[in-house]
Amino acid sequence: MIRKIDLQITQKGQDTSAANQAGYFQIVAMGTPSDKIRFFIGHFCAIVMGGALPTFQIFLADSFDAFADPDKDEQMKKINRITIIIMSLAAGMWVFGYVYWLMLSTFSLSITRKIKMEYLEAILR
């Protein structure tokens, strides 16, 4: 059935190739200014999360080095400090991850709704 529809479209002179598809930035351009703000905030939060993830390895290495200290009290102070840093980093990543998911989800819902409305209007014409 899809082949029949493609054949009918091709016979009517409409192109179904990749050149006729919308690009990434064309879809973003369809959004309202608030959609674009959500898009950029979501991507900013994704970049922050991507940059923060490798820092866990740095602090993990520091925690292993803290065990080399012969003084147990100093060892515990270092471990506690590193634990607080890692917990803070994890909480920050959780917040940025939620904002990232929320912003891009609402952006995609808004754009999808707009595309569906334009598609319905085109069908009704």
PDB file of N, CA and C in Angstrom:
ATOM      1  N   MET A   1       0.820  -1.192   0.000  1.00  0.00           N
ATOM      2  CA  MET A   1       0.000   0.000   0.000  1.00  0.00           C
ATOM      3  C   MET A   1       0.870   1.263   0.000  1.00  0.00           C
ATOM      4  N   ILE A   2       1.954   1.230   0.777  1.00  0.00           N
ATOM      5  CA  ILE A   2       2.838   2.387   0.819  1.00  0.00           C
ATOM      6  C   ILE A   2       3.475   2.619  -0.543  1.00  0.00           C
ATOM      7  N   ARG A   3       3.817   1.532  -1.220  1.00  0.00           N
ATOM      8  CA  ARG A   3       4.399   1.666  -2.551  1.00  0.00           C
ATOM      9  C   ARG A   3       3.413   2.296  -3.527  1.00  0.00           C
ATOM     10  N   LYS A   4       2.132   1.950  -3.388  1.00  0.00           N
ATOM     11  CA  LYS A   4       1.112   2.546  -4.258  1.00  0.00           C
ATOM     12  C   LYS A   4       1.009   4.048  -4.013  1.00  0.00           C
ATOM     13  N   ILE A   5       1.037   4.429  -2.744  1.00  0.00           N
ATOM     14  CA  ILE A   5       0.951   5.854  -2.410  1.00  0.00           C
ATOM     15  C   ILE A   5       2.182   6.589  -2.924  1.00  0.00           C
ATOM     16  N   ASP A   6       3.366   6.001  -2.735  1.00  0.00           N
ATOM     17  CA  ASP A   6       4.586   6.620  -3.245  1.00  0.00           C
ATOM     18  C   ASP A   6       4.538   6.746  -4.765  1.00  0.00           C
ATOM     19  N   LEU A   7       4.004   5.745  -5.415  1.00  0.00           N
ATOM     20  CA  LEU A   7       3.889   5.780  -6.869  1.00  0.00           C
ATOM     21  C   LEU A   7       2.939   6.896  -7.301  1.00  0.00           C
ATOM     22  N   GLN A   8       1.818   7.045  -6.599  1.00  0.00           N
ATOM     23  CA  GLN A   8       0.863   8.113  -6.931  1.00  0.00           C
ATOM     24  C   GLN A   8       1.486   9.485  -6.704  1.00  0.00           C
ATOM     25  N   ILE A   9       2.228   9.625  -5.621  1.00  0.00           N
ATOM     26  CA  ILE A   9       2.875  10.912  -5.353  1.00  0.00           C
ATOM     27  C   ILE A   9       3.912  11.218  -6.421  1.00  0.00           C
ATOM     28  N   THR A  10       4.686  10.215  -6.806  1.00  0.00           N
ATOM     29  CA  THR A  10       5.712  10.398  -7.830  1.00  0.00           C
ATOM     30  C   THR A  10       5.069  10.748  -9.169  1.00  0.00           C
ATOM     31  N   GLN A  11       3.934  10.127  -9.483  1.00  0.00           N
ATOM     32  CA  GLN A  11       3.265  10.412 -10.740  1.00  0.00           C
ATOM     33  C   GLN A  11       2.713  11.829 -10.770  1.00  0.00           C
ATOM     34  N   LYS A  12       2.363  12.346  -9.606  1.00  0.00           N
ATOM     35  CA  LYS A  12       1.835  13.706  -9.558  1.00  0.00           C
ATOM     36  C   LYS A  12       2.946  14.746  -9.505  1.00  0.00           C
ATOM     37  N   GLY A  13       4.207  14.290  -9.505  1.00  0.00           N
ATOM     38  CA  GLY A  13       5.314  15.233  -9.582  1.00  0.00           C
ATOM     39  C   GLY A  13       5.857  15.667  -8.237  1.00  0.00           C
ATOM     40  N   GLN A  14       5.444  15.042  -7.165  1.00  0.00           N
ATOM     41  CA  GLN A  14       5.966  15.418  -5.856  1.00  0.00           C
ATOM     42  C   GLN A  14       7.124  14.500  -5.504  1.00  0.00           C
ATOM     43  N   ASP A  15       8.178  15.092  -4.950  1.00  0.00           N
ATOM     44  CA  ASP A  15       9.395  14.348  -4.642  1.00  0.00           C
ATOM     45  C   ASP A  15       9.325  13.826  -3.208  1.00  0.00           C
ATOM     46  N   THR A  16       9.655  12.547  -3.029  1.00  0.00           N
ATOM     47  CA  THR A  16       9.666  11.950  -1.684  1.00  0.00           C
ATOM     48  C   THR A  16      11.085  11.633  -1.229  1.00  0.00           C
ATOM     49  N   SER A  17      12.087  12.167  -1.900  1.00  0.00           N
ATOM     50  CA  SER A  17      13.472  11.869  -1.549  1.00  0.00           C
ATOM     51  C   SER A  17      13.886  12.632  -0.299  1.00  0.00           C
ATOM     52  N   ALA A  18      15.103  12.386   0.143  1.00  0.00           N
ATOM     53  CA  ALA A  18      15.639  13.023   1.342  1.00  0.00           C
ATOM     54  C   ALA A  18      15.771  14.532   1.166  1.00  0.00           C
ATOM     55  N   ALA A  19      15.909  14.994  -0.054  1.00  0.00           N
ATOM     56  CA  ALA A  19      16.038  16.430  -0.300  1.00  0.00           C
ATOM     57  C   ALA A  19      14.743  17.169   0.029  1.00  0.00           C
ATOM     58  N   ASN A  20      13.638  16.463   0.086  1.00  0.00           N
ATOM     59  CA  ASN A  20      12.335  17.067   0.357  1.00  0.00           C
ATOM     60  C   ASN A  20      11.995  17.055   1.847  1.00  0.00           C
ATOM     61  N   GLN A  21      12.876  16.515   2.673  1.00  0.00           N
ATOM     62  CA  GLN A  21      12.601  16.416   4.105  1.00  0.00           C
ATOM     63  C   GLN A  21      13.079  17.664   4.837  1.00  0.00           C
ATOM     64  N   ALA A  22      12.450  17.923   5.984  1.00  0.00           N
ATOM     65  CA  ALA A  22      12.817  19.080   6.786  1.00  0.00           C
ATOM     66  C   ALA A  22      14.107  18.795   7.555  1.00  0.00           C
ATOM     67  N   GLY A  23      14.954  19.794   7.655  1.00  0.00           N
ATOM     68  CA  GLY A  23      16.201  19.665   8.397  1.00  0.00           C
ATOM     69  C   GLY A  23      15.996  19.962   9.877  1.00  0.00           C
ATOM     70  N   TYR A  24      17.035  19.703  10.634  1.00  0.00           N
ATOM     71  CA  TYR A  24      16.990  19.879  12.088  1.00  0.00           C
ATOM     72  C   TYR A  24      16.672  21.322  12.463  1.00  0.00           C
ATOM     73  N   PHE A  25      17.383  22.267  11.858  1.00  0.00           N
ATOM     74  CA  PHE A  25      17.183  23.665  12.213  1.00  0.00           C
ATOM     75  C   PHE A  25      15.907  24.237  11.612  1.00  0.00           C
ATOM     76  N   GLN A  26      15.403  23.622  10.558  1.00  0.00           N
ATOM     77  CA  GLN A  26      14.112  24.050  10.026  1.00  0.00           C
ATOM     78  C   GLN A  26      13.000  23.715  11.010  1.00  0.00           C
ATOM     79  N   ILE A  27      13.128  22.580  11.665  1.00  0.00           N
ATOM     80  CA  ILE A  27      12.133  22.194  12.670  1.00  0.00           C
ATOM     81  C   ILE A  27      12.209  23.124  13.874  1.00  0.00           C
ATOM     82  N   VAL A  28      13.415  23.477  14.288  1.00  0.00           N
ATOM     83  CA  VAL A  28      13.577  24.404  15.412  1.00  0.00           C
ATOM     84  C   VAL A  28      13.008  25.774  15.043  1.00  0.00           C
ATOM     85  N   ALA A  29      13.193  26.187  13.810  1.00  0.00           N
ATOM     86  CA  ALA A  29      12.700  27.490  13.361  1.00  0.00           C
ATOM     87  C   ALA A  29      11.174  27.557  13.359  1.00  0.00           C
ATOM     88  N   MET A  30      10.510  26.403  13.341  1.00  0.00           N
ATOM     89  CA  MET A  30       9.049  26.386  13.356  1.00  0.00           C
ATOM     90  C   MET A  30       8.483  26.786  14.717  1.00  0.00           C
ATOM     91  N   GLY A  31       9.291  26.690  15.745  1.00  0.00           N
ATOM     92  CA  GLY A  31       8.805  26.942  17.090  1.00  0.00           C
ATOM     93  C   GLY A  31       8.606  28.413  17.400  1.00  0.00           C
ATOM     94  N   THR A  32       7.853  28.640  18.449  1.00  0.00           N
ATOM     95  CA  THR A  32       7.663  30.002  18.946  1.00  0.00           C
ATOM     96  C   THR A  32       8.937  30.422  19.686  1.00  0.00           C
ATOM     97  N   PRO A  33       9.060  31.698  20.039  1.00  0.00           N
ATOM     98  CA  PRO A  33      10.242  32.115  20.808  1.00  0.00           C
ATOM     99  C   PRO A  33      10.402  31.353  22.135  1.00  0.00           C
ATOM    100  N   SER A  34       9.297  31.032  22.798  1.00  0.00           N
ATOM    101  CA  SER A  34       9.418  30.268  24.044  1.00  0.00           C
ATOM    102  C   SER A  34       9.875  28.833  23.764  1.00  0.00           C
ATOM    103  N   ASP A  35       9.487  28.276  22.617  1.00  0.00           N
ATOM    104  CA  ASP A  35       9.971  26.949  22.230  1.00  0.00           C
ATOM    105  C   ASP A  35      11.482  26.970  21.994  1.00  0.00           C
ATOM    106  N   LYS A  36      11.944  28.014  21.338  1.00  0.00           N
ATOM    107  CA  LYS A  36      13.372  28.126  21.062  1.00  0.00           C
ATOM    108  C   LYS A  36      14.169  28.297  22.353  1.00  0.00           C
ATOM    109  N   ILE A  37      13.626  29.023  23.302  1.00  0.00           N
ATOM    110  CA  ILE A  37      14.291  29.182  24.598  1.00  0.00           C
ATOM    111  C   ILE A  37      14.372  27.832  25.302  1.00  0.00           C
ATOM    112  N   ARG A  38      13.280  27.080  25.278  1.00  0.00           N
ATOM    113  CA  ARG A  38      13.295  25.736  25.866  1.00  0.00           C
ATOM    114  C   ARG A  38      14.318  24.839  25.183  1.00  0.00           C
ATOM    115  N   PHE A  39      14.398  24.948  23.875  1.00  0.00           N
ATOM    116  CA  PHE A  39      15.351  24.153  23.101  1.00  0.00           C
ATOM    117  C   PHE A  39      16.787  24.447  23.539  1.00  0.00           C
ATOM    118  N   PHE A  40      17.137  25.720  23.633  1.00  0.00           N
ATOM    119  CA  PHE A  40      18.508  26.073  23.987  1.00  0.00           C
ATOM    120  C   PHE A  40      18.817  25.803  25.459  1.00  0.00           C
ATOM    121  N   ILE A  41      17.855  26.003  26.354  1.00  0.00           N
ATOM    122  CA  ILE A  41      18.072  25.658  27.766  1.00  0.00           C
ATOM    123  C   ILE A  41      18.277  24.153  27.905  1.00  0.00           C
ATOM    124  N   GLY A  42      17.476  23.373  27.216  1.00  0.00           N
ATOM    125  CA  GLY A  42      17.620  21.920  27.263  1.00  0.00           C
ATOM    126  C   GLY A  42      18.977  21.461  26.771  1.00  0.00           C
ATOM    127  N   HIS A  43      19.440  22.038  25.677  1.00  0.00           N
ATOM    128  CA  HIS A  43      20.752  21.654  25.161  1.00  0.00           C
ATOM    129  C   HIS A  43      21.883  22.149  26.064  1.00  0.00           C
ATOM    130  N   PHE A  44      21.723  23.317  26.661  1.00  0.00           N
ATOM    131  CA  PHE A  44      22.727  23.802  27.611  1.00  0.00           C
ATOM    132  C   PHE A  44      22.851  22.843  28.793  1.00  0.00           C
ATOM    133  N   CYS A  45      21.718  22.416  29.334  1.00  0.00           N
ATOM    134  CA  CYS A  45      21.737  21.481  30.464  1.00  0.00           C
ATOM    135  C   CYS A  45      22.342  20.137  30.064  1.00  0.00           C
ATOM    136  N   ALA A  46      22.100  19.704  28.838  1.00  0.00           N
ATOM    137  CA  ALA A  46      22.693  18.453  28.359  1.00  0.00           C
ATOM    138  C   ALA A  46      24.215  18.582  28.251  1.00  0.00           C
ATOM    139  N   ILE A  47      24.693  19.733  27.812  1.00  0.00           N
ATOM    140  CA  ILE A  47      26.140  19.962  27.722  1.00  0.00           C
ATOM    141  C   ILE A  47      26.765  19.986  29.105  1.00  0.00           C
ATOM    142  N   VAL A  48      26.092  20.633  30.063  1.00  0.00           N
ATOM    143  CA  VAL A  48      26.603  20.670  31.433  1.00  0.00           C
ATOM    144  C   VAL A  48      26.678  19.258  32.007  1.00  0.00           C
ATOM    145  N   MET A  49      25.647  18.464  31.779  1.00  0.00           N
ATOM    146  CA  MET A  49      25.669  17.075  32.262  1.00  0.00           C
ATOM    147  C   MET A  49      26.787  16.282  31.612  1.00  0.00           C
ATOM    148  N   GLY A  50      26.973  16.459  30.334  1.00  0.00           N
ATOM    149  CA  GLY A  50      28.036  15.750  29.632  1.00  0.00           C
ATOM    150  C   GLY A  50      29.420  16.143  30.114  1.00  0.00           C
ATOM    151  N   GLY A  51      29.568  17.400  30.510  1.00  0.00           N
ATOM    152  CA  GLY A  51      30.855  17.849  31.039  1.00  0.00           C
ATOM    153  C   GLY A  51      31.075  17.439  32.480  1.00  0.00           C
ATOM    154  N   ALA A  52      30.004  17.301  33.235  1.00  0.00           N
ATOM    155  CA  ALA A  52      30.133  16.969  34.654  1.00  0.00           C
ATOM    156  C   ALA A  52      30.378  15.483  34.884  1.00  0.00           C
ATOM    157  N   LEU A  53      29.952  14.653  33.973  1.00  0.00           N
ATOM    158  CA  LEU A  53      30.093  13.214  34.168  1.00  0.00           C
ATOM    159  C   LEU A  53      31.546  12.751  34.320  1.00  0.00           C
ATOM    160  N   PRO A  54      32.490  13.232  33.504  1.00  0.00           N
ATOM    161  CA  PRO A  54      33.874  12.786  33.686  1.00  0.00           C
ATOM    162  C   PRO A  54      34.514  13.249  34.997  1.00  0.00           C
ATOM    163  N   THR A  55      33.969  14.281  35.619  1.00  0.00           N
ATOM    164  CA  THR A  55      34.564  14.753  36.876  1.00  0.00           C
ATOM    165  C   THR A  55      34.381  13.729  37.998  1.00  0.00           C
ATOM    166  N   PHE A  56      33.424  12.828  37.845  1.00  0.00           N
ATOM    167  CA  PHE A  56      33.292  11.759  38.835  1.00  0.00           C
ATOM    168  C   PHE A  56      34.569  10.922  38.907  1.00  0.00           C
ATOM    169  N   GLN A  57      35.188  10.681  37.770  1.00  0.00           N
ATOM    170  CA  GLN A  57      36.419   9.891  37.752  1.00  0.00           C
ATOM    171  C   GLN A  57      37.548  10.607  38.482  1.00  0.00           C
ATOM    172  N   ILE A  58      37.603  11.915  38.349  1.00  0.00           N
ATOM    173  CA  ILE A  58      38.644  12.684  39.036  1.00  0.00           C
ATOM    174  C   ILE A  58      38.494  12.526  40.545  1.00  0.00           C
ATOM    175  N   PHE A  59      37.277  12.693  41.037  1.00  0.00           N
ATOM    176  CA  PHE A  59      37.062  12.583  42.478  1.00  0.00           C
ATOM    177  C   PHE A  59      37.156  11.144  42.964  1.00  0.00           C
ATOM    178  N   LEU A  60      36.833  10.196  42.108  1.00  0.00           N
ATOM    179  CA  LEU A  60      37.000   8.795  42.481  1.00  0.00           C
ATOM    180  C   LEU A  60      38.481   8.474  42.656  1.00  0.00           C
ATOM    181  N   ALA A  61      39.323   8.988  41.773  1.00  0.00           N
ATOM    182  CA  ALA A  61      40.766   8.787  41.903  1.00  0.00           C
ATOM    183  C   ALA A  61      41.289   9.441  43.175  1.00  0.00           C
ATOM    184  N   ASP A  62      40.772  10.635  43.503  1.00  0.00           N
ATOM    185  CA  ASP A  62      41.180  11.299  44.748  1.00  0.00           C
ATOM    186  C   ASP A  62      40.773  10.497  45.969  1.00  0.00           C
ATOM    187  N   SER A  63      39.627   9.853  45.885  1.00  0.00           N
ATOM    188  CA  SER A  63      39.195   9.053  47.042  1.00  0.00           C
ATOM    189  C   SER A  63      40.097   7.832  47.222  1.00  0.00           C
ATOM    190  N   PHE A  64      40.560   7.245  46.147  1.00  0.00           N
ATOM    191  CA  PHE A  64      41.507   6.133  46.259  1.00  0.00           C
ATOM    192  C   PHE A  64      42.844   6.599  46.828  1.00  0.00           C
ATOM    193  N   ASP A  65      43.271   7.795  46.409  1.00  0.00           N
ATOM    194  CA  ASP A  65      44.527   8.341  46.925  1.00  0.00           C
ATOM    195  C   ASP A  65      44.431   8.666  48.409  1.00  0.00           C
ATOM    196  N   ALA A  66      43.231   8.983  48.872  1.00  0.00           N
ATOM    197  CA  ALA A  66      43.060   9.321  50.293  1.00  0.00           C
ATOM    198  C   ALA A  66      43.342   8.129  51.198  1.00  0.00           C
ATOM    199  N   PHE A  67      43.179   6.927  50.698  1.00  0.00           N
ATOM    200  CA  PHE A  67      43.437   5.741  51.508  1.00  0.00           C
ATOM    201  C   PHE A  67      44.932   5.523  51.757  1.00  0.00           C
ATOM    202  N   ALA A  68      45.774   6.202  50.980  1.00  0.00           N
ATOM    203  CA  ALA A  68      47.219   6.045  51.141  1.00  0.00           C
ATOM    204  C   ALA A  68      47.751   6.824  52.348  1.00  0.00           C
ATOM    205  N   ASP A  69      46.958   7.745  52.880  1.00  0.00           N
ATOM    206  CA  ASP A  69      47.387   8.549  54.036  1.00  0.00           C
ATOM    207  C   ASP A  69      47.433   7.662  55.285  1.00  0.00           C
ATOM    208  N   PRO A  70      48.573   7.627  55.986  1.00  0.00           N
ATOM    209  CA  PRO A  70      48.674   6.751  57.161  1.00  0.00           C
ATOM    210  C   PRO A  70      47.839   7.247  58.350  1.00  0.00           C
ATOM    211  N   ASP A  71      47.567   8.533  58.414  1.00  0.00           N
ATOM    212  CA  ASP A  71      46.782   9.087  59.522  1.00  0.00           C
ATOM    213  C   ASP A  71      45.292   8.839  59.256  1.00  0.00           C
ATOM    214  N   LYS A  72      44.660   8.062  60.136  1.00  0.00           N
ATOM    215  CA  LYS A  72      43.248   7.682  59.931  1.00  0.00           C
ATOM    216  C   LYS A  72      42.309   8.881  60.004  1.00  0.00           C
ATOM    217  N   ASP A  73      42.590   9.829  60.889  1.00  0.00           N
ATOM    218  CA  ASP A  73      41.720  11.006  60.996  1.00  0.00           C
ATOM    219  C   ASP A  73      41.800  11.863  59.736  1.00  0.00           C
ATOM    220  N   GLU A  74      43.006  12.057  59.247  1.00  0.00           N
ATOM    221  CA  GLU A  74      43.179  12.831  58.017  1.00  0.00           C
ATOM    222  C   GLU A  74      42.547  12.088  56.840  1.00  0.00           C
ATOM    223  N   GLN A  75      42.658  10.782  56.839  1.00  0.00           N
ATOM    224  CA  GLN A  75      42.065   9.943  55.795  1.00  0.00           C
ATOM    225  C   GLN A  75      40.547  10.105  55.777  1.00  0.00           C
ATOM    226  N   MET A  76      39.924  10.077  56.939  1.00  0.00           N
ATOM    227  CA  MET A  76      38.468  10.226  57.030  1.00  0.00           C
ATOM    228  C   MET A  76      38.019  11.631  56.618  1.00  0.00           C
ATOM    229  N   LYS A  77      38.809  12.658  56.965  1.00  0.00           N
ATOM    230  CA  LYS A  77      38.465  14.024  56.557  1.00  0.00           C
ATOM    231  C   LYS A  77      38.465  14.146  55.037  1.00  0.00           C
ATOM    232  N   LYS A  78      39.494  13.557  54.397  1.00  0.00           N
ATOM    233  CA  LYS A  78      39.562  13.616  52.930  1.00  0.00           C
ATOM    234  C   LYS A  78      38.400  12.860  52.294  1.00  0.00           C
ATOM    235  N   ILE A  79      38.111  11.688  52.840  1.00  0.00           N
ATOM    236  CA  ILE A  79      37.011  10.878  52.302  1.00  0.00           C
ATOM    237  C   ILE A  79      35.678  11.601  52.471  1.00  0.00           C
ATOM    238  N   ASN A  80      35.456  12.198  53.623  1.00  0.00           N
ATOM    239  CA  ASN A  80      34.203  12.937  53.859  1.00  0.00           C
ATOM    240  C   ASN A  80      34.074  14.127  52.910  1.00  0.00           C
ATOM    241  N   ARG A  81      35.185  14.854  52.707  1.00  0.00           N
ATOM    242  CA  ARG A  81      35.150  16.005  51.800  1.00  0.00           C
ATOM    243  C   ARG A  81      34.839  15.541  50.380  1.00  0.00           C
ATOM    244  N   ILE A  82      35.477  14.484  49.933  1.00  0.00           N
ATOM    245  CA  ILE A  82      35.250  13.971  48.574  1.00  0.00           C
ATOM    246  C   ILE A  82      33.823  13.445  48.439  1.00  0.00           C
ATOM    247  N   THR A  83      33.311  12.800  49.486  1.00  0.00           N
ATOM    248  CA  THR A  83      31.934  12.292  49.450  1.00  0.00           C
ATOM    249  C   THR A  83      30.937  13.430  49.305  1.00  0.00           C
ATOM    250  N   ILE A  84      31.157  14.511  50.037  1.00  0.00           N
ATOM    251  CA  ILE A  84      30.262  15.671  49.931  1.00  0.00           C
ATOM    252  C   ILE A  84      30.329  16.278  48.530  1.00  0.00           C
ATOM    253  N   ILE A  85      31.522  16.358  47.965  1.00  0.00           N
ATOM    254  CA  ILE A  85      31.670  16.907  46.610  1.00  0.00           C
ATOM    255  C   ILE A  85      30.948  16.020  45.597  1.00  0.00           C
ATOM    256  N   ILE A  86      31.136  14.711  45.714  1.00  0.00           N
ATOM    257  CA  ILE A  86      30.487  13.791  44.768  1.00  0.00           C
ATOM    258  C   ILE A  86      28.969  13.829  44.920  1.00  0.00           C
ATOM    259  N   MET A  87      28.487  13.902  46.144  1.00  0.00           N
ATOM    260  CA  MET A  87      27.027  13.985  46.365  1.00  0.00           C
ATOM    261  C   MET A  87      26.469  15.292  45.796  1.00  0.00           C
ATOM    262  N   SER A  88      27.198  16.387  45.971  1.00  0.00           N
ATOM    263  CA  SER A  88      26.755  17.674  45.414  1.00  0.00           C
ATOM    264  C   SER A  88      26.751  17.632  43.899  1.00  0.00           C
ATOM    265  N   LEU A  89      27.788  17.031  43.338  1.00  0.00           N
ATOM    266  CA  LEU A  89      27.862  16.900  41.889  1.00  0.00           C
ATOM    267  C   LEU A  89      26.723  16.039  41.358  1.00  0.00           C
ATOM    268  N   ALA A  90      26.426  14.962  42.060  1.00  0.00           N
ATOM    269  CA  ALA A  90      25.330  14.079  41.642  1.00  0.00           C
ATOM    270  C   ALA A  90      23.981  14.798  41.739  1.00  0.00           C
ATOM    271  N   ALA A  91      23.776  15.571  42.801  1.00  0.00           N
ATOM    272  CA  ALA A  91      22.522  16.317  42.940  1.00  0.00           C
ATOM    273  C   ALA A  91      22.389  17.362  41.827  1.00  0.00           C
ATOM    274  N   GLY A  92      23.496  18.041  41.528  1.00  0.00           N
ATOM    275  CA  GLY A  92      23.474  19.011  40.433  1.00  0.00           C
ATOM    276  C   GLY A  92      23.184  18.358  39.099  1.00  0.00           C
ATOM    277  N   MET A  93      23.777  17.196  38.866  1.00  0.00           N
ATOM    278  CA  MET A  93      23.515  16.480  37.618  1.00  0.00           C
ATOM    279  C   MET A  93      22.067  16.009  37.546  1.00  0.00           C
ATOM    280  N   TRP A  94      21.510  15.630  38.685  1.00  0.00           N
ATOM    281  CA  TRP A  94      20.113  15.210  38.700  1.00  0.00           C
ATOM    282  C   TRP A  94      19.213  16.381  38.317  1.00  0.00           C
ATOM    283  N   VAL A  95      19.480  17.559  38.881  1.00  0.00           N
ATOM    284  CA  VAL A  95      18.674  18.747  38.574  1.00  0.00           C
ATOM    285  C   VAL A  95      18.834  19.122  37.099  1.00  0.00           C
ATOM    286  N   PHE A  96      20.073  19.173  36.629  1.00  0.00           N
ATOM    287  CA  PHE A  96      20.294  19.520  35.223  1.00  0.00           C
ATOM    288  C   PHE A  96      19.695  18.469  34.293  1.00  0.00           C
ATOM    289  N   GLY A  97      19.753  17.210  34.686  1.00  0.00           N
ATOM    290  CA  GLY A  97      19.148  16.150  33.886  1.00  0.00           C
ATOM    291  C   GLY A  97      17.640  16.283  33.796  1.00  0.00           C
ATOM    292  N   TYR A  98      17.024  16.653  34.916  1.00  0.00           N
ATOM    293  CA  TYR A  98      15.574  16.836  34.902  1.00  0.00           C
ATOM    294  C   TYR A  98      15.190  18.029  34.028  1.00  0.00           C
ATOM    295  N   VAL A  99      15.926  19.126  34.172  1.00  0.00           N
ATOM    296  CA  VAL A  99      15.626  20.310  33.361  1.00  0.00           C
ATOM    297  C   VAL A  99      15.855  20.008  31.883  1.00  0.00           C
ATOM    298  N   TYR A 100      16.922  19.287  31.582  1.00  0.00           N
ATOM    299  CA  TYR A 100      17.216  18.869  30.205  1.00  0.00           C
ATOM    300  C   TYR A 100      16.061  18.063  29.629  1.00  0.00           C
ATOM    301  N   TRP A 101      15.620  17.059  30.375  1.00  0.00           N
ATOM    302  CA  TRP A 101      14.513  16.216  29.909  1.00  0.00           C
ATOM    303  C   TRP A 101      13.230  17.031  29.769  1.00  0.00           C
ATOM    304  N   LEU A 102      12.919  17.862  30.761  1.00  0.00           N
ATOM    305  CA  LEU A 102      11.689  18.646  30.765  1.00  0.00           C
ATOM    306  C   LEU A 102      11.643  19.622  29.592  1.00  0.00           C
ATOM    307  N   MET A 103      12.724  20.359  29.390  1.00  0.00           N
ATOM    308  CA  MET A 103      12.743  21.370  28.327  1.00  0.00           C
ATOM    309  C   MET A 103      12.637  20.740  26.944  1.00  0.00           C
ATOM    310  N   LEU A 104      13.407  19.698  26.695  1.00  0.00           N
ATOM    311  CA  LEU A 104      13.364  19.095  25.362  1.00  0.00           C
ATOM    312  C   LEU A 104      12.076  18.312  25.128  1.00  0.00           C
ATOM    313  N   SER A 105      11.493  17.759  26.184  1.00  0.00           N
ATOM    314  CA  SER A 105      10.209  17.062  26.026  1.00  0.00           C
ATOM    315  C   SER A 105       9.096  18.043  25.695  1.00  0.00           C
ATOM    316  N   THR A 106       9.039  19.148  26.412  1.00  0.00           N
ATOM    317  CA  THR A 106       7.990  20.130  26.121  1.00  0.00           C
ATOM    318  C   THR A 106       8.206  20.777  24.754  1.00  0.00           C
ATOM    319  N   PHE A 107       9.477  20.982  24.386  1.00  0.00           N
ATOM    320  CA  PHE A 107       9.772  21.513  23.052  1.00  0.00           C
ATOM    321  C   PHE A 107       9.274  20.556  21.974  1.00  0.00           C
ATOM    322  N   SER A 108       9.584  19.271  22.132  1.00  0.00           N
ATOM    323  CA  SER A 108       9.178  18.303  21.106  1.00  0.00           C
ATOM    324  C   SER A 108       7.667  18.152  21.041  1.00  0.00           C
ATOM    325  N   LEU A 109       7.002  18.207  22.186  1.00  0.00           N
ATOM    326  CA  LEU A 109       5.533  18.131  22.177  1.00  0.00           C
ATOM    327  C   LEU A 109       4.922  19.321  21.453  1.00  0.00           C
ATOM    328  N   SER A 110       5.461  20.498  21.699  1.00  0.00           N
ATOM    329  CA  SER A 110       4.945  21.706  21.060  1.00  0.00           C
ATOM    330  C   SER A 110       5.156  21.666  19.544  1.00  0.00           C
ATOM    331  N   ILE A 111       6.347  21.270  19.128  1.00  0.00           N
ATOM    332  CA  ILE A 111       6.644  21.205  17.693  1.00  0.00           C
ATOM    333  C   ILE A 111       5.802  20.118  17.027  1.00  0.00           C
ATOM    334  N   THR A 112       5.652  18.984  17.704  1.00  0.00           N
ATOM    335  CA  THR A 112       4.840  17.901  17.148  1.00  0.00           C
ATOM    336  C   THR A 112       3.393  18.342  16.968  1.00  0.00           C
ATOM    337  N   ARG A 113       2.864  19.049  17.957  1.00  0.00           N
ATOM    338  CA  ARG A 113       1.493  19.548  17.854  1.00  0.00           C
ATOM    339  C   ARG A 113       1.359  20.509  16.675  1.00  0.00           C
ATOM    340  N   LYS A 114       2.355  21.382  16.509  1.00  0.00           N
ATOM    341  CA  LYS A 114       2.299  22.346  15.415  1.00  0.00           C
ATOM    342  C   LYS A 114       2.378  21.641  14.056  1.00  0.00           C
ATOM    343  N   ILE A 115       3.246  20.639  13.935  1.00  0.00           N
ATOM    344  CA  ILE A 115       3.369  19.900  12.674  1.00  0.00           C
ATOM    345  C   ILE A 115       2.075  19.152  12.371  1.00  0.00           C
ATOM    346  N   LYS A 116       1.466  18.545  13.385  1.00  0.00           N
ATOM    347  CA  LYS A 116       0.203  17.827  13.173  1.00  0.00           C
ATOM    348  C   LYS A 116      -0.903  18.772  12.729  1.00  0.00           C
ATOM    349  N   MET A 117      -0.945  19.956  13.309  1.00  0.00           N
ATOM    350  CA  MET A 117      -1.965  20.931  12.919  1.00  0.00           C
ATOM    351  C   MET A 117      -1.761  21.377  11.470  1.00  0.00           C
ATOM    352  N   GLU A 118      -0.511  21.650  11.092  1.00  0.00           N
ATOM    353  CA  GLU A 118      -0.241  22.051   9.706  1.00  0.00           C
ATOM    354  C   GLU A 118      -0.554  20.915   8.733  1.00  0.00           C
ATOM    355  N   TYR A 119      -0.262  19.698   9.144  1.00  0.00           N
ATOM    356  CA  TYR A 119      -0.568  18.534   8.302  1.00  0.00           C
ATOM    357  C   TYR A 119      -2.069  18.371   8.116  1.00  0.00           C
ATOM    358  N   LEU A 120      -2.827  18.527   9.197  1.00  0.00           N
ATOM    359  CA  LEU A 120      -4.277  18.429   9.114  1.00  0.00           C
ATOM    360  C   LEU A 120      -4.851  19.534   8.234  1.00  0.00           C
ATOM    361  N   GLU A 121      -4.325  20.746   8.375  1.00  0.00           N
ATOM    362  CA  GLU A 121      -4.802  21.842   7.534  1.00  0.00           C
ATOM    363  C   GLU A 121      -4.509  21.566   6.054  1.00  0.00           C
ATOM    364  N   ALA A 122      -3.338  20.977   5.779  1.00  0.00           N
ATOM    365  CA  ALA A 122      -2.996  20.658   4.400  1.00  0.00           C
ATOM    366  C   ALA A 122      -3.913  19.587   3.826  1.00  0.00           C
ATOM    367  N   ILE A 123      -4.253  18.614   4.659  1.00  0.00           N
ATOM    368  CA  ILE A 123      -5.167  17.558   4.211  1.00  0.00           C
ATOM    369  C   ILE A 123      -6.555  18.133   3.958  1.00  0.00           C
ATOM    370  N   LEU A 124      -7.017  19.014   4.823  1.00  0.00           N
ATOM    371  CA  LEU A 124      -8.349  19.591   4.678  1.00  0.00           C
ATOM    372  C   LEU A 124      -8.429  20.545   3.491  1.00  0.00           C
ATOM    373  N   ARG A 125      -7.329  21.152   3.097  1.00  0.00           N
ATOM    374  CA  ARG A 125      -7.330  22.012   1.912  1.00  0.00           C
ATOM    375  C   ARG A 125      -7.510  21.169   0.687  1.00  0.00           C
TER     376      ARG A 125
END
